[in-house]
Amino acid sequence: MKLVYSYYVLDIVHKGHLEMMKNAKAIAGEDGKLIVGILTDEAVMEKKPPPSIDFVDRMYIAQCLKFPDLVVAQDTYSNIGNLLRYDGIVTDISNQ
């Protein structure tokens, strides 16, 4: 099973977010899983102004989308912590 990881602020959901998730899900394949990381408010503020939509609501929005199989918090702007936490991730789709 292929695990693919992609992360987002997801402050304002737009077509680019959805296309990225759709492509990441396609890379994972039918038997694979797409894990989506949502940056916490603190993680966002490491590099950007505070998000307009709070973390809890952004997580909920991500969970309601059809592409992610699992939505997780990303506690730092860097995705390295989550890549190490979810052993077996073979593809990292960075959205920077």
C-alpha atoms as a PDB file:
ATOM      1  CA  MET A   1       0.000   0.000   0.000  1.00  0.00           C
ATOM      2  CA  LYS A   2       1.368   3.383  -0.994  1.00  0.00           C
ATOM      3  CA  LEU A   3       1.034   6.249   1.503  1.00  0.00           C
ATOM      4  CA  VAL A   4       1.132   9.799   0.166  1.00  0.00           C
ATOM      5  CA  TYR A   5       1.441  12.888   2.385  1.00  0.00           C
ATOM      6  CA  SER A   6       0.437  16.423   1.455  1.00  0.00           C
ATOM      7  CA  TYR A   7       0.026  19.418   3.732  1.00  0.00           C
ATOM      8  CA  TYR A   8      -1.888  22.671   3.645  1.00  0.00           C
ATOM      9  CA  VAL A   9      -2.841  25.766   5.590  1.00  0.00           C
ATOM     10  CA  LEU A  10      -6.287  25.514   3.954  1.00  0.00           C
ATOM     11  CA  ASP A  11      -7.248  28.974   5.189  1.00  0.00           C
ATOM     12  CA  ILE A  12      -9.349  29.660   2.130  1.00  0.00           C
ATOM     13  CA  VAL A  13     -10.044  26.527   0.108  1.00  0.00           C
ATOM     14  CA  HIS A  14      -9.511  27.045  -3.607  1.00  0.00           C
ATOM     15  CA  LYS A  15      -9.258  25.020  -6.797  1.00  0.00           C
ATOM     16  CA  GLY A  16      -5.481  24.650  -6.421  1.00  0.00           C
ATOM     17  CA  HIS A  17      -5.911  22.841  -3.087  1.00  0.00           C
ATOM     18  CA  LEU A  18      -8.460  20.472  -4.581  1.00  0.00           C
ATOM     19  CA  GLU A  19      -6.355  19.754  -7.676  1.00  0.00           C
ATOM     20  CA  MET A  20      -3.309  19.063  -5.500  1.00  0.00           C
ATOM     21  CA  MET A  21      -5.277  16.625  -3.327  1.00  0.00           C
ATOM     22  CA  LYS A  22      -6.811  14.976  -6.387  1.00  0.00           C
ATOM     23  CA  ASN A  23      -3.354  14.469  -7.912  1.00  0.00           C
ATOM     24  CA  ALA A  24      -1.916  13.188  -4.625  1.00  0.00           C
ATOM     25  CA  LYS A  25      -4.781  10.718  -4.300  1.00  0.00           C
ATOM     26  CA  ALA A  26      -4.123   9.525  -7.861  1.00  0.00           C
ATOM     27  CA  ILE A  27      -0.460   8.946  -6.985  1.00  0.00           C
ATOM     28  CA  ALA A  28      -1.546   6.871  -3.979  1.00  0.00           C
ATOM     29  CA  GLY A  29      -3.679   4.718  -6.260  1.00  0.00           C
ATOM     30  CA  GLU A  30      -6.792   2.719  -5.474  1.00  0.00           C
ATOM     31  CA  ASP A  31      -5.110   0.672  -2.753  1.00  0.00           C
ATOM     32  CA  GLY A  32      -3.119   3.585  -1.322  1.00  0.00           C
ATOM     33  CA  LYS A  33      -3.918   6.249   1.234  1.00  0.00           C
ATOM     34  CA  LEU A  34      -3.657  10.029   1.129  1.00  0.00           C
ATOM     35  CA  ILE A  35      -2.716  11.587   4.451  1.00  0.00           C
ATOM     36  CA  VAL A  36      -3.384  15.328   4.561  1.00  0.00           C
ATOM     37  CA  GLY A  37      -1.622  17.472   7.141  1.00  0.00           C
ATOM     38  CA  ILE A  38      -3.261  20.720   8.236  1.00  0.00           C
ATOM     39  CA  LEU A  39      -0.909  23.257   9.771  1.00  0.00           C
ATOM     40  CA  THR A  40      -1.883  24.385  13.254  1.00  0.00           C
ATOM     41  CA  ASP A  41      -2.321  28.119  13.808  1.00  0.00           C
ATOM     42  CA  GLU A  42       1.096  28.194  15.515  1.00  0.00           C
ATOM     43  CA  ALA A  43       2.739  26.375  12.608  1.00  0.00           C
ATOM     44  CA  VAL A  44       1.264  28.837  10.110  1.00  0.00           C
ATOM     45  CA  MET A  45       2.550  31.782  12.144  1.00  0.00           C
ATOM     46  CA  GLU A  46       6.129  30.487  11.861  1.00  0.00           C
ATOM     47  CA  LYS A  47       6.150  31.971   8.337  1.00  0.00           C
ATOM     48  CA  LYS A  48       2.853  33.750   7.673  1.00  0.00           C
ATOM     49  CA  PRO A  49       0.256  35.942   9.386  1.00  0.00           C
ATOM     50  CA  PRO A  50      -2.371  34.167  11.498  1.00  0.00           C
ATOM     51  CA  PRO A  51      -4.961  32.324   9.425  1.00  0.00           C
ATOM     52  CA  SER A  52      -8.445  33.787   9.051  1.00  0.00           C
ATOM     53  CA  ILE A  53     -10.083  30.442   9.824  1.00  0.00           C
ATOM     54  CA  ASP A  54      -9.084  28.746  13.081  1.00  0.00           C
ATOM     55  CA  PHE A  55      -7.384  25.352  13.147  1.00  0.00           C
ATOM     56  CA  VAL A  56     -10.385  23.347  14.358  1.00  0.00           C
ATOM     57  CA  ASP A  57     -12.535  24.645  11.512  1.00  0.00           C
ATOM     58  CA  ARG A  58      -9.791  24.081   8.922  1.00  0.00           C
ATOM     59  CA  MET A  59      -9.416  20.477  10.130  1.00  0.00           C
ATOM     60  CA  TYR A  60     -13.177  19.983   9.831  1.00  0.00           C
ATOM     61  CA  ILE A  61     -13.197  21.381   6.296  1.00  0.00           C
ATOM     62  CA  ALA A  62     -10.374  19.013   5.279  1.00  0.00           C
ATOM     63  CA  GLN A  63     -12.163  16.032   6.828  1.00  0.00           C
ATOM     64  CA  CYS A  64     -15.264  16.840   4.760  1.00  0.00           C
ATOM     65  CA  LEU A  65     -13.359  16.699   1.472  1.00  0.00           C
ATOM     66  CA  LYS A  66     -13.495  13.490  -0.550  1.00  0.00           C
ATOM     67  CA  PHE A  67      -9.795  13.042  -1.329  1.00  0.00           C
ATOM     68  CA  PRO A  68      -8.074  12.594   2.078  1.00  0.00           C
ATOM     69  CA  ASP A  69      -8.176   9.196   3.753  1.00  0.00           C
ATOM     70  CA  LEU A  70      -6.745  10.661   6.943  1.00  0.00           C
ATOM     71  CA  VAL A  71      -6.429  14.274   8.106  1.00  0.00           C
ATOM     72  CA  VAL A  72      -3.817  15.044  10.756  1.00  0.00           C
ATOM     73  CA  ALA A  73      -2.442  18.088  12.537  1.00  0.00           C
ATOM     74  CA  GLN A  74       0.947  19.383  11.439  1.00  0.00           C
ATOM     75  CA  ASP A  75       2.504  21.137  14.426  1.00  0.00           C
ATOM     76  CA  THR A  76       5.388  22.842  12.609  1.00  0.00           C
ATOM     77  CA  TYR A  77       5.730  24.493   9.228  1.00  0.00           C
ATOM     78  CA  SER A  78       8.155  21.745   8.271  1.00  0.00           C
ATOM     79  CA  ASN A  79       6.508  18.446   7.423  1.00  0.00           C
ATOM     80  CA  ILE A  80       9.432  16.329   8.652  1.00  0.00           C
ATOM     81  CA  GLY A  81       7.800  15.474  11.991  1.00  0.00           C
ATOM     82  CA  ASN A  82       4.718  14.017  10.331  1.00  0.00           C
ATOM     83  CA  LEU A  83       6.761  12.206   7.700  1.00  0.00           C
ATOM     84  CA  LEU A  84       8.643  10.458  10.506  1.00  0.00           C
ATOM     85  CA  ARG A  85       5.481   9.844  12.544  1.00  0.00           C
ATOM     86  CA  TYR A  86       3.636   8.076   9.740  1.00  0.00           C
ATOM     87  CA  ASP A  87       6.169   5.420   8.844  1.00  0.00           C
ATOM     88  CA  GLY A  88       5.772   4.055   5.365  1.00  0.00           C
ATOM     89  CA  ILE A  89       5.053   7.305   3.539  1.00  0.00           C
ATOM     90  CA  VAL A  90       6.649   6.838   0.160  1.00  0.00           C
ATOM     91  CA  THR A  91       5.655  10.072  -1.542  1.00  0.00           C
ATOM     92  CA  ASP A  92       5.647  13.594  -0.154  1.00  0.00           C
ATOM     93  CA  ILE A  93       3.654  16.044  -2.229  1.00  0.00           C
ATOM     94  CA  SER A  94       4.840  19.439  -1.022  1.00  0.00           C
ATOM     95  CA  ASN A  95       2.691  22.393  -1.910  1.00  0.00           C
ATOM     96  CA  GLN A  96       5.251  25.124  -1.556  1.00  0.00           C
END
